[in-house]
Amino acid sequence: GETGAESSPTEFSPEGERLLVSDN
């Protein structure tokens, strides 16, 4: 995300090559 916003990880995908994230 842009500086000043908030991003967070939630979970790796089952195969481990993708990352579920949130961002505002």
mmCIF file of all heavy atoms, coordinates in Angstrom:
data_MODEL
# 
_entry.id   MODEL 
# 
loop_
_atom_site.group_PDB 
_atom_site.id 
_atom_site.type_symbol 
_atom_site.label_atom_id 
_atom_site.label_alt_id 
_atom_site.label_comp_id 
_atom_site.label_asym_id 
_atom_site.label_entity_id 
_atom_site.label_seq_id 
_atom_site.pdbx_PDB_ins_code 
_atom_site.Cartn_x 
_atom_site.Cartn_y 
_atom_site.Cartn_z 
_atom_site.occupancy 
_atom_site.B_iso_or_equiv 
_atom_site.pdbx_formal_charge 
_atom_site.auth_seq_id 
_atom_site.auth_comp_id 
_atom_site.auth_asym_id 
_atom_site.auth_atom_id 
_atom_site.pdbx_PDB_model_num 
ATOM 1   N N   . GLY A 1 1  ? 0.818  -1.211  0.000  1.00 0.00 ? 1  GLY A N   1 
ATOM 2   C CA  . GLY A 1 1  ? 0.000  0.000   0.000  1.00 0.00 ? 1  GLY A CA  1 
ATOM 3   C C   . GLY A 1 1  ? 0.845  1.250   0.000  1.00 0.00 ? 1  GLY A C   1 
ATOM 4   O O   . GLY A 1 1  ? 2.075  1.211   0.082  1.00 0.00 ? 1  GLY A O   1 
ATOM 5   N N   . GLU A 1 2  ? 0.174  2.387   -0.077 1.00 0.00 ? 2  GLU A N   1 
ATOM 6   C CA  . GLU A 1 2  ? 0.873  3.655   -0.032 1.00 0.00 ? 2  GLU A CA  1 
ATOM 7   C C   . GLU A 1 2  ? 1.337  3.940   1.399  1.00 0.00 ? 2  GLU A C   1 
ATOM 8   O O   . GLU A 1 2  ? 0.782  3.427   2.370  1.00 0.00 ? 2  GLU A O   1 
ATOM 9   C CB  . GLU A 1 2  ? -0.039 4.780   -0.519 1.00 0.00 ? 2  GLU A CB  1 
ATOM 10  C CG  . GLU A 1 2  ? -1.269 5.004   0.353  1.00 0.00 ? 2  GLU A CG  1 
ATOM 11  C CD  . GLU A 1 2  ? -2.198 6.065   -0.195 1.00 0.00 ? 2  GLU A CD  1 
ATOM 12  O OE1 . GLU A 1 2  ? -2.318 6.171   -1.434 1.00 0.00 ? 2  GLU A OE1 1 
ATOM 13  O OE2 . GLU A 1 2  ? -2.811 6.777   0.620  1.00 0.00 ? 2  GLU A OE2 1 
ATOM 14  N N   . THR A 1 3  ? 2.368  4.767   1.531  1.00 0.00 ? 3  THR A N   1 
ATOM 15  C CA  . THR A 1 3  ? 2.862  5.134   2.852  1.00 0.00 ? 3  THR A CA  1 
ATOM 16  C C   . THR A 1 3  ? 1.780  5.885   3.618  1.00 0.00 ? 3  THR A C   1 
ATOM 17  O O   . THR A 1 3  ? 1.175  6.824   3.099  1.00 0.00 ? 3  THR A O   1 
ATOM 18  C CB  . THR A 1 3  ? 4.123  6.008   2.739  1.00 0.00 ? 3  THR A CB  1 
ATOM 19  O OG1 . THR A 1 3  ? 5.134  5.264   2.049  1.00 0.00 ? 3  THR A OG1 1 
ATOM 20  C CG2 . THR A 1 3  ? 4.635  6.403   4.114  1.00 0.00 ? 3  THR A CG2 1 
ATOM 21  N N   . GLY A 1 4  ? 1.529  5.452   4.842  1.00 0.00 ? 4  GLY A N   1 
ATOM 22  C CA  . GLY A 1 4  ? 0.457  6.034   5.647  1.00 0.00 ? 4  GLY A CA  1 
ATOM 23  C C   . GLY A 1 4  ? -0.771 5.154   5.709  1.00 0.00 ? 4  GLY A C   1 
ATOM 24  O O   . GLY A 1 4  ? -1.617 5.336   6.585  1.00 0.00 ? 4  GLY A O   1 
ATOM 25  N N   . ALA A 1 5  ? -0.850 4.203   4.773  1.00 0.00 ? 5  ALA A N   1 
ATOM 26  C CA  . ALA A 1 5  ? -1.954 3.240   4.812  1.00 0.00 ? 5  ALA A CA  1 
ATOM 27  C C   . ALA A 1 5  ? -1.526 2.017   5.632  1.00 0.00 ? 5  ALA A C   1 
ATOM 28  O O   . ALA A 1 5  ? -0.382 1.905   6.068  1.00 0.00 ? 5  ALA A O   1 
ATOM 29  C CB  . ALA A 1 5  ? -2.352 2.832   3.405  1.00 0.00 ? 5  ALA A CB  1 
ATOM 30  N N   . GLU A 1 6  ? -2.461 1.104   5.822  1.00 0.00 ? 6  GLU A N   1 
ATOM 31  C CA  . GLU A 1 6  ? -2.197 -0.074  6.641  1.00 0.00 ? 6  GLU A CA  1 
ATOM 32  C C   . GLU A 1 6  ? -2.445 -1.340  5.836  1.00 0.00 ? 6  GLU A C   1 
ATOM 33  O O   . GLU A 1 6  ? -3.535 -1.547  5.300  1.00 0.00 ? 6  GLU A O   1 
ATOM 34  C CB  . GLU A 1 6  ? -3.098 -0.073  7.874  1.00 0.00 ? 6  GLU A CB  1 
ATOM 35  C CG  . GLU A 1 6  ? -2.832 1.087   8.806  1.00 0.00 ? 6  GLU A CG  1 
ATOM 36  C CD  . GLU A 1 6  ? -3.989 1.319   9.752  1.00 0.00 ? 6  GLU A CD  1 
ATOM 37  O OE1 . GLU A 1 6  ? -5.131 1.379   9.262  1.00 0.00 ? 6  GLU A OE1 1 
ATOM 38  O OE2 . GLU A 1 6  ? -3.750 1.456   10.962 1.00 0.00 ? 6  GLU A OE2 1 
ATOM 39  N N   . SER A 1 7  ? -1.426 -2.176  5.760  1.00 0.00 ? 7  SER A N   1 
ATOM 40  C CA  . SER A 1 7  ? -1.532 -3.479  5.118  1.00 0.00 ? 7  SER A CA  1 
ATOM 41  C C   . SER A 1 7  ? -1.235 -4.546  6.159  1.00 0.00 ? 7  SER A C   1 
ATOM 42  O O   . SER A 1 7  ? -0.464 -4.318  7.091  1.00 0.00 ? 7  SER A O   1 
ATOM 43  C CB  . SER A 1 7  ? -0.547 -3.602  3.958  1.00 0.00 ? 7  SER A CB  1 
ATOM 44  O OG  . SER A 1 7  ? -0.747 -2.570  3.007  1.00 0.00 ? 7  SER A OG  1 
ATOM 45  N N   . SER A 1 8  ? -1.834 -5.721  5.979  1.00 0.00 ? 8  SER A N   1 
ATOM 46  C CA  . SER A 1 8  ? -1.624 -6.786  6.948  1.00 0.00 ? 8  SER A CA  1 
ATOM 47  C C   . SER A 1 8  ? -1.739 -8.139  6.258  1.00 0.00 ? 8  SER A C   1 
ATOM 48  O O   . SER A 1 8  ? -2.569 -8.311  5.364  1.00 0.00 ? 8  SER A O   1 
ATOM 49  C CB  . SER A 1 8  ? -2.656 -6.688  8.072  1.00 0.00 ? 8  SER A CB  1 
ATOM 50  O OG  . SER A 1 8  ? -2.411 -7.646  9.076  1.00 0.00 ? 8  SER A OG  1 
ATOM 51  N N   . PRO A 1 9  ? -0.921 -9.130  6.665  1.00 0.00 ? 9  PRO A N   1 
ATOM 52  C CA  . PRO A 1 9  ? -1.069 -10.480 6.122  1.00 0.00 ? 9  PRO A CA  1 
ATOM 53  C C   . PRO A 1 9  ? -2.131 -11.258 6.888  1.00 0.00 ? 9  PRO A C   1 
ATOM 54  O O   . PRO A 1 9  ? -2.333 -11.034 8.085  1.00 0.00 ? 9  PRO A O   1 
ATOM 55  C CB  . PRO A 1 9  ? 0.315  -11.093 6.343  1.00 0.00 ? 9  PRO A CB  1 
ATOM 56  C CG  . PRO A 1 9  ? 0.793  -10.450 7.609  1.00 0.00 ? 9  PRO A CG  1 
ATOM 57  C CD  . PRO A 1 9  ? 0.227  -9.044  7.587  1.00 0.00 ? 9  PRO A CD  1 
ATOM 58  N N   . THR A 1 10 ? -2.801 -12.155 6.206  1.00 0.00 ? 10 THR A N   1 
ATOM 59  C CA  . THR A 1 10 ? -3.831 -12.984 6.841  1.00 0.00 ? 10 THR A CA  1 
ATOM 60  C C   . THR A 1 10 ? -3.471 -14.460 6.817  1.00 0.00 ? 10 THR A C   1 
ATOM 61  O O   . THR A 1 10 ? -3.546 -15.137 7.837  1.00 0.00 ? 10 THR A O   1 
ATOM 62  C CB  . THR A 1 10 ? -5.189 -12.779 6.150  1.00 0.00 ? 10 THR A CB  1 
ATOM 63  O OG1 . THR A 1 10 ? -5.562 -11.406 6.261  1.00 0.00 ? 10 THR A OG1 1 
ATOM 64  C CG2 . THR A 1 10 ? -6.260 -13.641 6.795  1.00 0.00 ? 10 THR A CG2 1 
ATOM 65  N N   . GLU A 1 11 ? -3.076 -14.985 5.644  1.00 0.00 ? 11 GLU A N   1 
ATOM 66  C CA  . GLU A 1 11 ? -2.791 -16.413 5.544  1.00 0.00 ? 11 GLU A CA  1 
ATOM 67  C C   . GLU A 1 11 ? -2.014 -16.700 4.265  1.00 0.00 ? 11 GLU A C   1 
ATOM 68  O O   . GLU A 1 11 ? -2.257 -16.078 3.229  1.00 0.00 ? 11 GLU A O   1 
ATOM 69  C CB  . GLU A 1 11 ? -4.097 -17.216 5.547  1.00 0.00 ? 11 GLU A CB  1 
ATOM 70  C CG  . GLU A 1 11 ? -3.905 -18.717 5.617  1.00 0.00 ? 11 GLU A CG  1 
ATOM 71  C CD  . GLU A 1 11 ? -5.222 -19.481 5.641  1.00 0.00 ? 11 GLU A CD  1 
ATOM 72  O OE1 . GLU A 1 11 ? -6.178 -19.047 4.962  1.00 0.00 ? 11 GLU A OE1 1 
ATOM 73  O OE2 . GLU A 1 11 ? -5.296 -20.505 6.329  1.00 0.00 ? 11 GLU A OE2 1 
ATOM 74  N N   . PHE A 1 12 ? -1.072 -17.654 4.333  1.00 0.00 ? 12 PHE A N   1 
ATOM 75  C CA  . PHE A 1 12 ? -0.469 -18.197 3.128  1.00 0.00 ? 12 PHE A CA  1 
ATOM 76  C C   . PHE A 1 12 ? -1.472 -19.131 2.455  1.00 0.00 ? 12 PHE A C   1 
ATOM 77  O O   . PHE A 1 12 ? -2.266 -19.804 3.134  1.00 0.00 ? 12 PHE A O   1 
ATOM 78  C CB  . PHE A 1 12 ? 0.792  -18.992 3.470  1.00 0.00 ? 12 PHE A CB  1 
ATOM 79  C CG  . PHE A 1 12 ? 2.017  -18.156 3.741  1.00 0.00 ? 12 PHE A CG  1 
ATOM 80  C CD1 . PHE A 1 12 ? 2.337  -17.772 5.029  1.00 0.00 ? 12 PHE A CD1 1 
ATOM 81  C CD2 . PHE A 1 12 ? 2.834  -17.750 2.702  1.00 0.00 ? 12 PHE A CD2 1 
ATOM 82  C CE1 . PHE A 1 12 ? 3.462  -17.018 5.293  1.00 0.00 ? 12 PHE A CE1 1 
ATOM 83  C CE2 . PHE A 1 12 ? 3.967  -16.978 2.944  1.00 0.00 ? 12 PHE A CE2 1 
ATOM 84  C CZ  . PHE A 1 12 ? 4.280  -16.610 4.252  1.00 0.00 ? 12 PHE A CZ  1 
ATOM 85  N N   . SER A 1 13 ? -1.415 -19.194 1.127  1.00 0.00 ? 13 SER A N   1 
ATOM 86  C CA  . SER A 1 13 ? -2.262 -20.137 0.401  1.00 0.00 ? 13 SER A CA  1 
ATOM 87  C C   . SER A 1 13 ? -1.795 -21.560 0.692  1.00 0.00 ? 13 SER A C   1 
ATOM 88  O O   . SER A 1 13 ? -0.666 -21.780 1.161  1.00 0.00 ? 13 SER A O   1 
ATOM 89  C CB  . SER A 1 13 ? -2.190 -19.855 -1.098 1.00 0.00 ? 13 SER A CB  1 
ATOM 90  O OG  . SER A 1 13 ? -0.855 -20.030 -1.561 1.00 0.00 ? 13 SER A OG  1 
ATOM 91  N N   . PRO A 1 14 ? -2.620 -22.567 0.413  1.00 0.00 ? 14 PRO A N   1 
ATOM 92  C CA  . PRO A 1 14 ? -2.241 -23.958 0.722  1.00 0.00 ? 14 PRO A CA  1 
ATOM 93  C C   . PRO A 1 14 ? -0.919 -24.385 0.102  1.00 0.00 ? 14 PRO A C   1 
ATOM 94  O O   . PRO A 1 14 ? -0.175 -25.164 0.700  1.00 0.00 ? 14 PRO A O   1 
ATOM 95  C CB  . PRO A 1 14 ? -3.419 -24.763 0.169  1.00 0.00 ? 14 PRO A CB  1 
ATOM 96  C CG  . PRO A 1 14 ? -4.582 -23.827 0.268  1.00 0.00 ? 14 PRO A CG  1 
ATOM 97  C CD  . PRO A 1 14 ? -4.026 -22.471 -0.034 1.00 0.00 ? 14 PRO A CD  1 
ATOM 98  N N   . GLU A 1 15 ? -0.603 -23.883 -1.104 1.00 0.00 ? 15 GLU A N   1 
ATOM 99  C CA  . GLU A 1 15 ? 0.667  -24.269 -1.734 1.00 0.00 ? 15 GLU A CA  1 
ATOM 100 C C   . GLU A 1 15 ? 1.810  -23.357 -1.299 1.00 0.00 ? 15 GLU A C   1 
ATOM 101 O O   . GLU A 1 15 ? 2.983  -23.616 -1.604 1.00 0.00 ? 15 GLU A O   1 
ATOM 102 C CB  . GLU A 1 15 ? 0.529  -24.254 -3.263 1.00 0.00 ? 15 GLU A CB  1 
ATOM 103 C CG  . GLU A 1 15 ? 0.651  -22.894 -3.917 1.00 0.00 ? 15 GLU A CG  1 
ATOM 104 C CD  . GLU A 1 15 ? -0.588 -22.010 -3.752 1.00 0.00 ? 15 GLU A CD  1 
ATOM 105 O OE1 . GLU A 1 15 ? -1.610 -22.525 -3.232 1.00 0.00 ? 15 GLU A OE1 1 
ATOM 106 O OE2 . GLU A 1 15 ? -0.544 -20.838 -4.147 1.00 0.00 ? 15 GLU A OE2 1 
ATOM 107 N N   . GLY A 1 16 ? 1.483  -22.263 -0.589 1.00 0.00 ? 16 GLY A N   1 
ATOM 108 C CA  . GLY A 1 16 ? 2.499  -21.400 -0.010 1.00 0.00 ? 16 GLY A CA  1 
ATOM 109 C C   . GLY A 1 16 ? 3.070  -20.338 -0.914 1.00 0.00 ? 16 GLY A C   1 
ATOM 110 O O   . GLY A 1 16 ? 3.977  -19.601 -0.508 1.00 0.00 ? 16 GLY A O   1 
ATOM 111 N N   . GLU A 1 17 ? 2.575  -20.202 -2.143 1.00 0.00 ? 17 GLU A N   1 
ATOM 112 C CA  . GLU A 1 17 ? 3.137  -19.246 -3.092 1.00 0.00 ? 17 GLU A CA  1 
ATOM 113 C C   . GLU A 1 17 ? 2.323  -17.967 -3.210 1.00 0.00 ? 17 GLU A C   1 
ATOM 114 O O   . GLU A 1 17 ? 2.690  -17.065 -3.956 1.00 0.00 ? 17 GLU A O   1 
ATOM 115 C CB  . GLU A 1 17 ? 3.277  -19.901 -4.470 1.00 0.00 ? 17 GLU A CB  1 
ATOM 116 C CG  . GLU A 1 17 ? 4.220  -21.088 -4.489 1.00 0.00 ? 17 GLU A CG  1 
ATOM 117 C CD  . GLU A 1 17 ? 5.611  -20.735 -3.988 1.00 0.00 ? 17 GLU A CD  1 
ATOM 118 O OE1 . GLU A 1 17 ? 6.057  -19.588 -4.235 1.00 0.00 ? 17 GLU A OE1 1 
ATOM 119 O OE2 . GLU A 1 17 ? 6.236  -21.592 -3.337 1.00 0.00 ? 17 GLU A OE2 1 
ATOM 120 N N   . ARG A 1 18 ? 1.207  -17.900 -2.513 1.00 0.00 ? 18 ARG A N   1 
ATOM 121 C CA  . ARG A 1 18 ? 0.391  -16.690 -2.510 1.00 0.00 ? 18 ARG A CA  1 
ATOM 122 C C   . ARG A 1 18 ? 0.111  -16.274 -1.059 1.00 0.00 ? 18 ARG A C   1 
ATOM 123 O O   . ARG A 1 18 ? 0.140  -17.108 -0.153 1.00 0.00 ? 18 ARG A O   1 
ATOM 124 C CB  . ARG A 1 18 ? -0.926 -16.913 -3.249 1.00 0.00 ? 18 ARG A CB  1 
ATOM 125 C CG  . ARG A 1 18 ? -0.784 -17.230 -4.739 1.00 0.00 ? 18 ARG A CG  1 
ATOM 126 C CD  . ARG A 1 18 ? -2.130 -17.629 -5.337 1.00 0.00 ? 18 ARG A CD  1 
ATOM 127 N NE  . ARG A 1 18 ? -2.612 -18.872 -4.734 1.00 0.00 ? 18 ARG A NE  1 
ATOM 128 C CZ  . ARG A 1 18 ? -3.887 -19.257 -4.732 1.00 0.00 ? 18 ARG A CZ  1 
ATOM 129 N NH1 . ARG A 1 18 ? -4.820 -18.481 -5.286 1.00 0.00 ? 18 ARG A NH1 1 
ATOM 130 N NH2 . ARG A 1 18 ? -4.238 -20.403 -4.171 1.00 0.00 ? 18 ARG A NH2 1 
ATOM 131 N N   . LEU A 1 19 ? -0.163 -14.992 -0.893 1.00 0.00 ? 19 LEU A N   1 
ATOM 132 C CA  . LEU A 1 19 ? -0.388 -14.456 0.441  1.00 0.00 ? 19 LEU A CA  1 
ATOM 133 C C   . LEU A 1 19 ? -1.683 -13.652 0.444  1.00 0.00 ? 19 LEU A C   1 
ATOM 134 O O   . LEU A 1 19 ? -1.862 -12.737 -0.366 1.00 0.00 ? 19 LEU A O   1 
ATOM 135 C CB  . LEU A 1 19 ? 0.786  -13.555 0.849  1.00 0.00 ? 19 LEU A CB  1 
ATOM 136 C CG  . LEU A 1 19 ? 0.851  -13.087 2.304  1.00 0.00 ? 19 LEU A CG  1 
ATOM 137 C CD1 . LEU A 1 19 ? 1.021  -14.274 3.243  1.00 0.00 ? 19 LEU A CD1 1 
ATOM 138 C CD2 . LEU A 1 19 ? 2.002  -12.097 2.482  1.00 0.00 ? 19 LEU A CD2 1 
ATOM 139 N N   . LEU A 1 20 ? -2.594 -14.032 1.333  1.00 0.00 ? 20 LEU A N   1 
ATOM 140 C CA  . LEU A 1 20 ? -3.850 -13.299 1.503  1.00 0.00 ? 20 LEU A CA  1 
ATOM 141 C C   . LEU A 1 20 ? -3.571 -12.079 2.373  1.00 0.00 ? 20 LEU A C   1 
ATOM 142 O O   . LEU A 1 20 ? -3.027 -12.202 3.474  1.00 0.00 ? 20 LEU A O   1 
ATOM 143 C CB  . LEU A 1 20 ? -4.892 -14.204 2.149  1.00 0.00 ? 20 LEU A CB  1 
ATOM 144 C CG  . LEU A 1 20 ? -6.317 -13.665 2.301  1.00 0.00 ? 20 LEU A CG  1 
ATOM 145 C CD1 . LEU A 1 20 ? -6.936 -13.384 0.935  1.00 0.00 ? 20 LEU A CD1 1 
ATOM 146 C CD2 . LEU A 1 20 ? -7.168 -14.663 3.079  1.00 0.00 ? 20 LEU A CD2 1 
ATOM 147 N N   . VAL A 1 21 ? -3.937 -10.887 1.879  1.00 0.00 ? 21 VAL A N   1 
ATOM 148 C CA  . VAL A 1 21 ? -3.597 -9.642  2.573  1.00 0.00 ? 21 VAL A CA  1 
ATOM 149 C C   . VAL A 1 21 ? -4.801 -8.708  2.594  1.00 0.00 ? 21 VAL A C   1 
ATOM 150 O O   . VAL A 1 21 ? -5.779 -8.879  1.861  1.00 0.00 ? 21 VAL A O   1 
ATOM 151 C CB  . VAL A 1 21 ? -2.413 -8.918  1.891  1.00 0.00 ? 21 VAL A CB  1 
ATOM 152 C CG1 . VAL A 1 21 ? -1.162 -9.771  1.925  1.00 0.00 ? 21 VAL A CG1 1 
ATOM 153 C CG2 . VAL A 1 21 ? -2.774 -8.532  0.448  1.00 0.00 ? 21 VAL A CG2 1 
ATOM 154 N N   . SER A 1 22 ? -4.703 -7.693  3.455  1.00 0.00 ? 22 SER A N   1 
ATOM 155 C CA  . SER A 1 22 ? -5.671 -6.592  3.456  1.00 0.00 ? 22 SER A CA  1 
ATOM 156 C C   . SER A 1 22 ? -4.910 -5.284  3.343  1.00 0.00 ? 22 SER A C   1 
ATOM 157 O O   . SER A 1 22 ? -3.729 -5.194  3.704  1.00 0.00 ? 22 SER A O   1 
ATOM 158 C CB  . SER A 1 22 ? -6.506 -6.602  4.738  1.00 0.00 ? 22 SER A CB  1 
ATOM 159 O OG  . SER A 1 22 ? -5.688 -6.378  5.875  1.00 0.00 ? 22 SER A OG  1 
ATOM 160 N N   . ASP A 1 23 ? -5.608 -4.252  2.855  1.00 0.00 ? 23 ASP A N   1 
ATOM 161 C CA  . ASP A 1 23 ? -4.972 -2.940  2.695  1.00 0.00 ? 23 ASP A CA  1 
ATOM 162 C C   . ASP A 1 23 ? -6.058 -1.881  2.614  1.00 0.00 ? 23 ASP A C   1 
ATOM 163 O O   . ASP A 1 23 ? -7.145 -2.128  2.080  1.00 0.00 ? 23 ASP A O   1 
ATOM 164 C CB  . ASP A 1 23 ? -4.130 -2.897  1.415  1.00 0.00 ? 23 ASP A CB  1 
ATOM 165 C CG  . ASP A 1 23 ? -3.559 -1.514  1.144  1.00 0.00 ? 23 ASP A CG  1 
ATOM 166 O OD1 . ASP A 1 23 ? -2.654 -1.099  1.887  1.00 0.00 ? 23 ASP A OD1 1 
ATOM 167 O OD2 . ASP A 1 23 ? -4.037 -0.843  0.209  1.00 0.00 ? 23 ASP A OD2 1 
ATOM 168 N N   . ASN A 1 24 ? -5.782 -0.692  3.179  1.00 0.00 ? 24 ASN A N   1 
ATOM 169 C CA  . ASN A 1 24 ? -6.769 0.384   3.132  1.00 0.00 ? 24 ASN A CA  1 
ATOM 170 C C   . ASN A 1 24 ? -6.251 1.640   2.422  1.00 0.00 ? 24 ASN A C   1 
ATOM 171 O O   . ASN A 1 24 ? -6.668 2.748   2.737  1.00 0.00 ? 24 ASN A O   1 
ATOM 172 C CB  . ASN A 1 24 ? -7.277 0.729   4.536  1.00 0.00 ? 24 ASN A CB  1 
ATOM 173 C CG  . ASN A 1 24 ? -6.173 1.209   5.475  1.00 0.00 ? 24 ASN A CG  1 
ATOM 174 O OD1 . ASN A 1 24 ? -5.043 1.479   5.047  1.00 0.00 ? 24 ASN A OD1 1 
ATOM 175 N ND2 . ASN A 1 24 ? -6.494 1.324   6.751  1.00 0.00 ? 24 ASN A ND2 1 
# 
